[in-house]
Amino acid sequence: MNTKNFNLDSLVGNWESINLNPTVIIYRSGESYLLSVIHMNETSKQASPATYEIQEDEDGFFINYNLKHRAISYDAKLDLLTISALGDYMRN
């Protein structure tokens, strides 16, 4: 199972957390791929997105989330997205 080398086009869409973490949306903007984490304020019921550019280095894809390097992996067989800071996500 190769979870590091994949086409970012396969990740475009909405992703729901298995661990009740914030919803993630991945989309393309020009030549870049962006990942938005949708935080929900429980008091005001307002959604506030935080958007990160998906980058790539010799270890694979990642985002800089809360000033830390967070790896992104994808299991095509299970259609499972994993973000090291947030856990596993299933396509919505």
C-alpha atoms as a PDB file:
ATOM      1  CA  MET A   1       0.000   0.000   0.000  1.00  0.00           C
ATOM      2  CA  ASN A   2       1.592   3.262  -1.128  1.00  0.00           C
ATOM      3  CA  THR A   3       0.140   6.178   0.824  1.00  0.00           C
ATOM      4  CA  LYS A   4       2.823   8.777   0.029  1.00  0.00           C
ATOM      5  CA  ASN A   5       2.750   8.956  -3.772  1.00  0.00           C
ATOM      6  CA  PHE A   6      -0.682   9.827  -5.113  1.00  0.00           C
ATOM      7  CA  ASN A   7      -2.300  12.384  -7.352  1.00  0.00           C
ATOM      8  CA  LEU A   8      -3.732  15.338  -5.418  1.00  0.00           C
ATOM      9  CA  ASP A   9      -6.681  15.426  -7.831  1.00  0.00           C
ATOM     10  CA  SER A  10      -7.907  12.239  -6.138  1.00  0.00           C
ATOM     11  CA  LEU A  11      -8.245  14.140  -2.829  1.00  0.00           C
ATOM     12  CA  VAL A  12     -10.433  16.993  -4.076  1.00  0.00           C
ATOM     13  CA  GLY A  13     -13.711  17.073  -2.157  1.00  0.00           C
ATOM     14  CA  ASN A  14     -15.218  17.119   1.336  1.00  0.00           C
ATOM     15  CA  TRP A  15     -13.843  14.869   4.074  1.00  0.00           C
ATOM     16  CA  GLU A  16     -15.464  13.959   7.403  1.00  0.00           C
ATOM     17  CA  SER A  17     -13.346  13.064  10.408  1.00  0.00           C
ATOM     18  CA  ILE A  18     -13.639   9.589  11.888  1.00  0.00           C
ATOM     19  CA  ASN A  19     -12.420  11.045  15.210  1.00  0.00           C
ATOM     20  CA  LEU A  20     -14.874  14.001  15.386  1.00  0.00           C
ATOM     21  CA  ASN A  21     -12.218  16.499  14.330  1.00  0.00           C
ATOM     22  CA  PRO A  22     -13.175  19.446  12.089  1.00  0.00           C
ATOM     23  CA  THR A  23     -14.383  18.776   8.542  1.00  0.00           C
ATOM     24  CA  VAL A  24     -11.759  19.172   5.802  1.00  0.00           C
ATOM     25  CA  ILE A  25     -12.279  20.416   2.242  1.00  0.00           C
ATOM     26  CA  ILE A  26      -9.581  19.972  -0.402  1.00  0.00           C
ATOM     27  CA  TYR A  27      -9.759  21.963  -3.619  1.00  0.00           C
ATOM     28  CA  ARG A  28      -7.626  23.280  -6.431  1.00  0.00           C
ATOM     29  CA  SER A  29      -6.845  26.948  -6.944  1.00  0.00           C
ATOM     30  CA  GLY A  30      -4.821  27.526 -10.100  1.00  0.00           C
ATOM     31  CA  GLU A  31      -1.767  25.276  -9.827  1.00  0.00           C
ATOM     32  CA  SER A  32      -2.065  24.935  -6.040  1.00  0.00           C
ATOM     33  CA  TYR A  33      -4.066  22.530  -3.916  1.00  0.00           C
ATOM     34  CA  LEU A  34      -5.560  23.938  -0.736  1.00  0.00           C
ATOM     35  CA  LEU A  35      -6.868  22.236   2.371  1.00  0.00           C
ATOM     36  CA  SER A  36      -9.423  24.089   4.484  1.00  0.00           C
ATOM     37  CA  VAL A  37     -10.206  22.967   8.010  1.00  0.00           C
ATOM     38  CA  ILE A  38     -13.722  24.071   8.985  1.00  0.00           C
ATOM     39  CA  HIS A  39     -13.844  24.873  12.698  1.00  0.00           C
ATOM     40  CA  MET A  40     -17.353  25.196  14.167  1.00  0.00           C
ATOM     41  CA  ASN A  41     -17.944  27.528  17.120  1.00  0.00           C
ATOM     42  CA  GLU A  42     -20.356  25.612  19.345  1.00  0.00           C
ATOM     43  CA  THR A  43     -21.686  28.784  20.981  1.00  0.00           C
ATOM     44  CA  SER A  44     -22.348  30.950  17.933  1.00  0.00           C
ATOM     45  CA  LYS A  45     -22.756  28.045  15.440  1.00  0.00           C
ATOM     46  CA  GLN A  46     -20.498  30.003  13.067  1.00  0.00           C
ATOM     47  CA  ALA A  47     -18.084  28.127  10.806  1.00  0.00           C
ATOM     48  CA  SER A  48     -14.605  29.538  10.411  1.00  0.00           C
ATOM     49  CA  PRO A  49     -12.282  28.010   7.831  1.00  0.00           C
ATOM     50  CA  ALA A  50      -8.511  27.970   8.100  1.00  0.00           C
ATOM     51  CA  THR A  51      -6.824  27.286   4.758  1.00  0.00           C
ATOM     52  CA  TYR A  52      -3.414  25.747   4.126  1.00  0.00           C
ATOM     53  CA  GLU A  53      -1.506  25.096   0.911  1.00  0.00           C
ATOM     54  CA  ILE A  54      -0.667  21.441   0.364  1.00  0.00           C
ATOM     55  CA  GLN A  55       3.067  21.198  -0.230  1.00  0.00           C
ATOM     56  CA  GLU A  56       5.387  18.363  -1.172  1.00  0.00           C
ATOM     57  CA  ASP A  57       8.894  17.377  -0.121  1.00  0.00           C
ATOM     58  CA  GLU A  58      10.967  14.194  -0.334  1.00  0.00           C
ATOM     59  CA  ASP A  59       8.773  12.557   2.341  1.00  0.00           C
ATOM     60  CA  GLY A  60       5.460  13.255   0.577  1.00  0.00           C
ATOM     61  CA  PHE A  61       2.644  15.766   0.936  1.00  0.00           C
ATOM     62  CA  PHE A  62       2.120  17.995   3.974  1.00  0.00           C
ATOM     63  CA  ILE A  63       0.596  21.198   5.330  1.00  0.00           C
ATOM     64  CA  ASN A  64       1.962  23.602   7.919  1.00  0.00           C
ATOM     65  CA  TYR A  65      -0.809  23.390  10.535  1.00  0.00           C
ATOM     66  CA  ASN A  66      -0.503  25.460  13.724  1.00  0.00           C
ATOM     67  CA  LEU A  67       3.117  26.157  12.806  1.00  0.00           C
ATOM     68  CA  LYS A  68       3.916  22.432  12.566  1.00  0.00           C
ATOM     69  CA  HIS A  69       4.652  20.183   9.593  1.00  0.00           C
ATOM     70  CA  ARG A  70       1.706  17.742   9.267  1.00  0.00           C
ATOM     71  CA  ALA A  71       1.955  14.824   6.858  1.00  0.00           C
ATOM     72  CA  ILE A  72      -0.909  13.937   4.519  1.00  0.00           C
ATOM     73  CA  SER A  73      -1.331  10.370   3.335  1.00  0.00           C
ATOM     74  CA  TYR A  74      -4.017   8.645   1.317  1.00  0.00           C
ATOM     75  CA  ASP A  75      -5.070   5.021   1.045  1.00  0.00           C
ATOM     76  CA  ALA A  76      -6.768   4.718  -2.358  1.00  0.00           C
ATOM     77  CA  LYS A  77      -8.059   1.213  -1.647  1.00  0.00           C
ATOM     78  CA  LEU A  78      -9.981   2.403   1.439  1.00  0.00           C
ATOM     79  CA  ASP A  79     -10.508   5.991   0.165  1.00  0.00           C
ATOM     80  CA  LEU A  80      -9.053   7.094   3.508  1.00  0.00           C
ATOM     81  CA  LEU A  81      -7.271  10.419   4.027  1.00  0.00           C
ATOM     82  CA  THR A  82      -4.938  10.745   7.020  1.00  0.00           C
ATOM     83  CA  ILE A  83      -3.619  14.059   8.343  1.00  0.00           C
ATOM     84  CA  SER A  84      -1.035  13.514  11.068  1.00  0.00           C
ATOM     85  CA  ALA A  85      -2.466  16.222  13.342  1.00  0.00           C
ATOM     86  CA  LEU A  86      -6.134  15.389  12.855  1.00  0.00           C
ATOM     87  CA  GLY A  87      -6.395  11.662  12.203  1.00  0.00           C
ATOM     88  CA  ASP A  88      -8.393   9.757   9.602  1.00  0.00           C
ATOM     89  CA  TYR A  89     -11.033  11.114   7.236  1.00  0.00           C
ATOM     90  CA  MET A  90     -13.632   9.463   5.004  1.00  0.00           C
ATOM     91  CA  ARG A  91     -14.974  11.142   1.875  1.00  0.00           C
ATOM     92  CA  ASN A  92     -18.328  12.851   2.409  1.00  0.00           C
END
